[in-house]
């Protein structure tokens, strides 16, 4: 399994694309699709059939507003391969209106089958050779973290929000956890911070931790972030990925 850190920024970062990642195995899964993601996707992965599915963690613009664009381009390029869109019911209920608002009648004219698949807390979902499971974080709106397993390798992605007992259970012993980490220390209770995410990852046995969605002013001082990480280092291998950085697991 390979992970491609497509976008690593937060909502209002002028230089980094939205927080979004690709799970690349026999099945290709895009984790979140904010407004800045389509251009990155088309530039580096232009094949209309590249993706098999998209997972949306929650209904904020920097996590789902790029979805109508990729559907429209796939249609224009006459894709016929089915696409699955996976999310919790609160998001699925909004998607048809979002897509219609962006491109009226697109869902009636789309050139390929789209299947909207509900993610349910505590239940597994099979997607080709991938197995997905879900748990809610603590955010201003409902957000589900996801665990993706393939042939004994596990990758978890937080979406947005501070971790909960449910997500800690979801992340246990993960080979890689991609977690939003807005600040160094606690600032707001609806976003995670680097100190607490590192401690939690140690507690639940995460092997590698990728810190993303870092506050734009802090991300510009990456050396400060890395000094903090090194001073709080434990057994977990911590990275602050750059856009398009790739990691092969295990």
Protein backbone atom coordinates (compact mmCIF):
# COMPACT_ATOMS: atom_id res chain seq x y z
CA UNK A 1 0.00 0.00 0.00
CA UNK A 2 1.24 3.48 -0.85
CA UNK A 3 0.04 6.77 0.62
CA UNK A 4 0.34 9.99 -1.38
CA UNK A 5 -0.01 13.17 0.67
CA UNK A 6 -1.81 15.14 -2.02
CA UNK A 7 -2.64 18.20 0.08
CA UNK A 8 -1.48 18.94 3.62
CA UNK A 9 -2.82 22.44 4.36
CA UNK A 10 -5.65 23.92 6.38
CA UNK A 11 -8.72 25.73 5.08
CA UNK A 12 -7.25 29.20 4.65
CA UNK A 13 -3.64 28.43 3.76
CA UNK A 14 -2.70 30.43 0.67
CA UNK A 15 0.23 28.20 -0.28
CA UNK A 16 -0.78 24.63 0.56
CA UNK A 17 -3.67 22.61 -0.85
CA UNK A 18 -6.43 21.31 1.39
CA UNK A 19 -5.89 18.29 3.62
CA UNK A 20 -6.34 15.32 1.24
CA UNK A 21 -4.55 12.02 0.63
CA UNK A 22 -4.56 9.08 -1.75
CA UNK A 23 -4.53 5.46 -0.65
CA UNK A 24 -2.95 3.65 -3.59
CA UNK A 25 -3.31 -0.12 -3.69
CA UNK A 26 -5.19 -2.22 -6.24
CA UNK A 27 -8.04 0.10 -5.27
CA UNK A 28 -7.40 3.86 -5.36
CA UNK A 29 -9.16 5.87 -2.65
CA UNK A 30 -9.11 9.67 -2.26
CA UNK A 31 -9.46 10.87 1.33
CA UNK A 32 -11.34 14.19 1.21
CA UNK A 33 -11.73 16.51 -1.76
CA UNK A 34 -11.70 20.19 -0.82
CA UNK A 35 -11.85 23.12 -3.21
CA UNK A 36 -8.05 23.18 -3.78
CA UNK A 37 -7.71 19.48 -4.56
CA UNK A 38 -9.02 19.04 -8.15
CA UNK A 39 -6.15 21.00 -9.72
CA UNK A 40 -3.58 18.97 -7.79
CA UNK A 41 -5.31 15.74 -8.77
CA UNK A 42 -5.56 16.65 -12.46
CA UNK A 43 -1.97 17.88 -12.65
CA UNK A 44 -0.41 14.78 -11.15
CA UNK A 45 -3.01 12.04 -11.72
CA UNK A 46 -4.92 13.10 -14.86
CA UNK A 47 -6.28 9.66 -15.81
CA UNK A 48 -10.10 9.87 -15.68
CA UNK A 49 -10.20 6.31 -14.32
CA UNK A 50 -7.49 6.74 -11.67
CA UNK A 51 -9.83 6.89 -8.67
CA UNK A 52 -12.17 4.11 -7.57
CA UNK A 53 -13.70 5.95 -4.62
CA UNK A 54 -13.74 9.18 -2.62
CA UNK A 55 -14.15 9.36 1.15
CA UNK A 56 -15.53 12.58 2.65
CA UNK A 57 -14.90 13.07 6.37
CA UNK A 58 -17.27 16.02 6.88
CA UNK A 59 -19.16 18.79 5.13
CA UNK A 60 -16.73 21.71 5.30
CA UNK A 61 -15.65 23.44 2.10
CA UNK A 62 -12.00 22.47 2.38
CA UNK A 63 -12.98 18.81 2.59
CA UNK A 64 -15.79 18.32 0.07
CA UNK A 65 -16.33 21.26 -2.29
CA UNK A 66 -13.91 19.88 -4.89
CA UNK A 67 -16.14 16.86 -5.47
CA UNK A 68 -18.46 18.46 -8.09
CA UNK A 69 -15.44 19.51 -10.16
CA UNK A 70 -13.90 16.06 -10.37
CA UNK A 71 -17.28 14.52 -11.26
CA UNK A 72 -17.80 17.14 -13.97
CA UNK A 73 -14.36 16.58 -15.49
CA UNK A 74 -14.77 12.80 -15.41
CA UNK A 75 -18.08 13.25 -17.26
CA UNK A 76 -16.57 15.59 -19.82
CA UNK A 77 -13.83 13.03 -20.44
CA UNK A 78 -16.49 10.31 -20.84
CA UNK A 79 -15.53 8.12 -17.93
CA UNK A 80 -17.62 4.94 -17.75
CA UNK A 81 -15.98 3.30 -14.73
CA UNK A 82 -18.18 3.44 -11.59
CA UNK A 83 -17.21 5.76 -8.72
CA UNK A 84 -18.12 5.25 -5.07
CA UNK A 85 -18.57 8.24 -2.77
CA UNK A 86 -18.39 7.23 0.87
CA UNK A 87 -19.44 9.32 3.85
CA UNK A 88 -21.73 9.54 6.85
CA UNK A 89 -25.43 10.12 6.25
CA UNK A 90 -25.23 13.79 7.33
CA UNK A 91 -22.87 14.43 4.40
CA UNK A 92 -24.52 12.15 1.84
CA UNK A 93 -27.80 14.00 2.35
CA UNK A 94 -26.10 17.25 1.27
CA UNK A 95 -24.10 16.03 -1.71
CA UNK A 96 -26.80 15.99 -4.43
CA UNK A 97 -27.69 19.62 -3.69
CA UNK A 98 -24.02 20.63 -3.58
CA UNK A 99 -23.31 18.99 -6.94
CA UNK A 100 -26.46 20.45 -8.51
CA UNK A 101 -25.64 23.91 -7.21
CA UNK A 102 -22.16 23.72 -8.75
CA UNK A 103 -23.26 22.17 -12.08
CA UNK A 104 -27.00 22.02 -12.60
CA UNK A 105 -28.26 18.68 -13.94
CA UNK A 106 -24.80 17.10 -13.65
CA UNK A 107 -26.09 14.08 -11.74
CA UNK A 108 -28.68 13.52 -14.48
CA UNK A 109 -26.08 13.79 -17.24
CA UNK A 110 -23.09 12.08 -15.59
CA UNK A 111 -21.42 9.56 -17.91
CA UNK A 112 -20.68 6.90 -15.29
CA UNK A 113 -22.45 5.21 -12.36
CA UNK A 114 -22.06 6.94 -8.99
CA UNK A 115 -22.81 4.98 -5.86
CA UNK A 116 -23.30 6.91 -2.62
CA UNK A 117 -22.22 4.60 0.21
CA UNK A 118 -23.02 5.27 3.85
CA UNK A 119 -20.23 5.08 6.44
CA UNK A 120 -21.55 3.80 9.75
CA UNK A 121 -19.82 4.12 13.07
CA UNK A 122 -18.53 0.77 14.29
CA UNK A 123 -19.22 -1.07 11.02
CA UNK A 124 -16.77 -2.28 8.39
CA UNK A 125 -17.14 -1.46 4.72
CA UNK A 126 -15.47 -3.45 1.94
CA UNK A 127 -14.03 -1.53 -1.01
CA UNK A 128 -12.21 -3.82 -3.40
CA UNK A 129 -9.20 -5.06 -1.44
CA UNK A 130 -9.64 -2.36 1.22
CA UNK A 131 -11.57 -2.58 4.47
CA UNK A 132 -12.80 0.70 5.95
CA UNK A 133 -14.07 1.45 9.44
CA UNK A 134 -15.14 4.72 11.02
CA UNK A 135 -15.43 6.67 14.28
CA UNK A 136 -16.48 10.25 15.19
CA UNK A 137 -14.04 12.93 16.29
CA UNK A 138 -14.89 16.14 18.17
CA UNK A 139 -15.42 18.98 15.71
CA UNK A 140 -17.85 21.85 15.12
CA UNK A 141 -19.88 19.57 12.84
CA UNK A 142 -20.01 15.79 12.61
CA UNK A 143 -16.68 14.37 11.36
CA UNK A 144 -15.74 10.73 10.97
CA UNK A 145 -12.16 9.49 11.10
CA UNK A 146 -11.47 6.44 8.95
CA UNK A 147 -9.23 3.38 9.18
CA UNK A 148 -8.22 1.71 5.91
CA UNK A 149 -6.78 -1.81 6.02
CA UNK A 150 -5.22 -3.81 3.19
CA UNK A 151 -3.31 -7.08 3.51
CA UNK A 152 -2.37 -6.49 7.13
CA UNK A 153 -1.40 -2.82 6.68
CA UNK A 154 -3.49 -0.06 8.30
CA UNK A 155 -3.70 3.66 7.53
CA UNK A 156 -5.91 6.00 9.56
CA UNK A 157 -7.03 9.52 8.66
CA UNK A 158 -8.63 11.89 11.15
CA UNK A 159 -10.35 14.40 8.91
CA UNK A 160 -10.84 17.36 11.27
CA UNK A 161 -11.35 17.47 14.98
CA UNK A 162 -9.85 16.49 18.29
CA UNK A 163 -9.58 12.77 18.99
CA UNK A 164 -12.15 10.94 21.08
CA UNK A 165 -12.24 7.58 22.86
CA UNK A 166 -13.85 6.18 19.70
CA UNK A 167 -11.12 7.46 17.37
CA UNK A 168 -8.37 6.34 19.78
CA UNK A 169 -9.79 2.83 19.48
CA UNK A 170 -9.94 3.21 15.69
CA UNK A 171 -6.29 4.29 15.50
CA UNK A 172 -4.86 1.58 17.76
CA UNK A 173 -1.68 -0.05 16.37
CA UNK A 174 -2.03 1.73 13.01
CA UNK A 175 0.96 1.58 10.68
CA UNK A 176 0.27 5.21 9.79
CA UNK A 177 -2.00 7.84 11.33
CA UNK A 178 -2.59 11.02 9.33
CA UNK A 179 -3.93 13.47 11.89
CA UNK A 180 -4.82 17.14 11.73
CA UNK A 181 -2.69 19.13 14.15
CA UNK A 182 -3.68 22.78 14.00
CA UNK A 183 -1.41 24.09 16.74
CA UNK A 184 1.56 23.11 18.92
CA UNK A 185 -0.37 23.31 22.19
CA UNK A 186 -4.13 23.31 22.86
CA UNK A 187 -5.83 26.40 21.38
CA UNK A 188 -9.36 25.35 20.39
CA UNK A 189 -11.20 22.24 21.51
CA UNK A 190 -12.55 21.43 18.03
CA UNK A 191 -9.10 21.01 16.49
CA UNK A 192 -6.24 18.78 17.54
CA UNK A 193 -2.78 19.95 18.59
CA UNK A 194 0.63 18.43 18.02
CA UNK A 195 1.46 17.77 21.67
CA UNK A 196 -1.74 15.84 22.42
CA UNK A 197 -1.78 13.96 19.10
CA UNK A 198 1.80 12.76 19.67
CA UNK A 199 0.96 11.62 23.21
CA UNK A 200 -2.20 9.87 22.06
CA UNK A 201 -0.32 8.12 19.25
CA UNK A 202 2.21 6.79 21.77
CA UNK A 203 -0.62 5.60 24.01
CA UNK A 204 -2.41 3.60 21.30
CA UNK A 205 0.67 2.16 19.60
CA UNK A 206 0.69 4.09 16.32
CA UNK A 207 3.89 3.32 14.37
CA UNK A 208 4.07 6.44 12.16
CA UNK A 209 2.31 9.76 12.61
CA UNK A 210 1.88 12.32 9.82
CA UNK A 211 0.94 15.80 11.05
CA UNK A 212 -1.18 17.79 8.59
CA UNK A 213 -3.66 20.72 8.58
CA UNK A 214 -1.17 22.76 10.62
CA UNK A 215 -2.11 26.42 11.14
CA UNK A 216 -0.75 28.37 8.19
CA UNK A 217 1.35 30.79 10.27
CA UNK A 218 2.89 27.88 12.18
CA UNK A 219 3.44 25.75 9.08
CA UNK A 220 5.59 28.55 7.60
CA UNK A 221 7.99 27.98 10.50
CA UNK A 222 8.46 24.26 9.93
CA UNK A 223 11.78 24.30 11.79
CA UNK A 224 9.92 25.34 14.94
CA UNK A 225 7.45 22.51 14.43
CA UNK A 226 10.25 19.97 13.97
CA UNK A 227 12.07 21.22 17.09
CA UNK A 228 8.87 20.74 19.07
CA UNK A 229 8.40 17.25 17.59
CA UNK A 230 11.98 16.25 18.40
CA UNK A 231 11.75 17.55 21.96
CA UNK A 232 8.58 15.51 22.55
CA UNK A 233 9.65 12.44 20.59
CA UNK A 234 8.91 8.95 21.84
CA UNK A 235 8.59 5.65 20.01
CA UNK A 236 6.34 6.99 17.25
CA UNK A 237 8.04 8.11 14.03
CA UNK A 238 6.66 11.58 13.30
CA UNK A 239 6.71 13.32 9.93
CA UNK A 240 5.38 16.61 8.61
CA UNK A 241 4.80 15.71 4.97
CA UNK A 242 5.12 18.03 2.01
CA UNK A 243 2.53 18.04 -0.81
CA UNK A 244 2.89 15.00 -3.11
CA UNK A 245 5.27 13.25 -0.73
CA UNK A 246 4.80 9.48 -0.94
CA UNK A 247 5.12 6.77 1.70
CA UNK A 248 5.12 3.04 0.98
CA UNK A 249 3.89 0.75 3.78
CA UNK A 250 4.87 -1.34 5.58
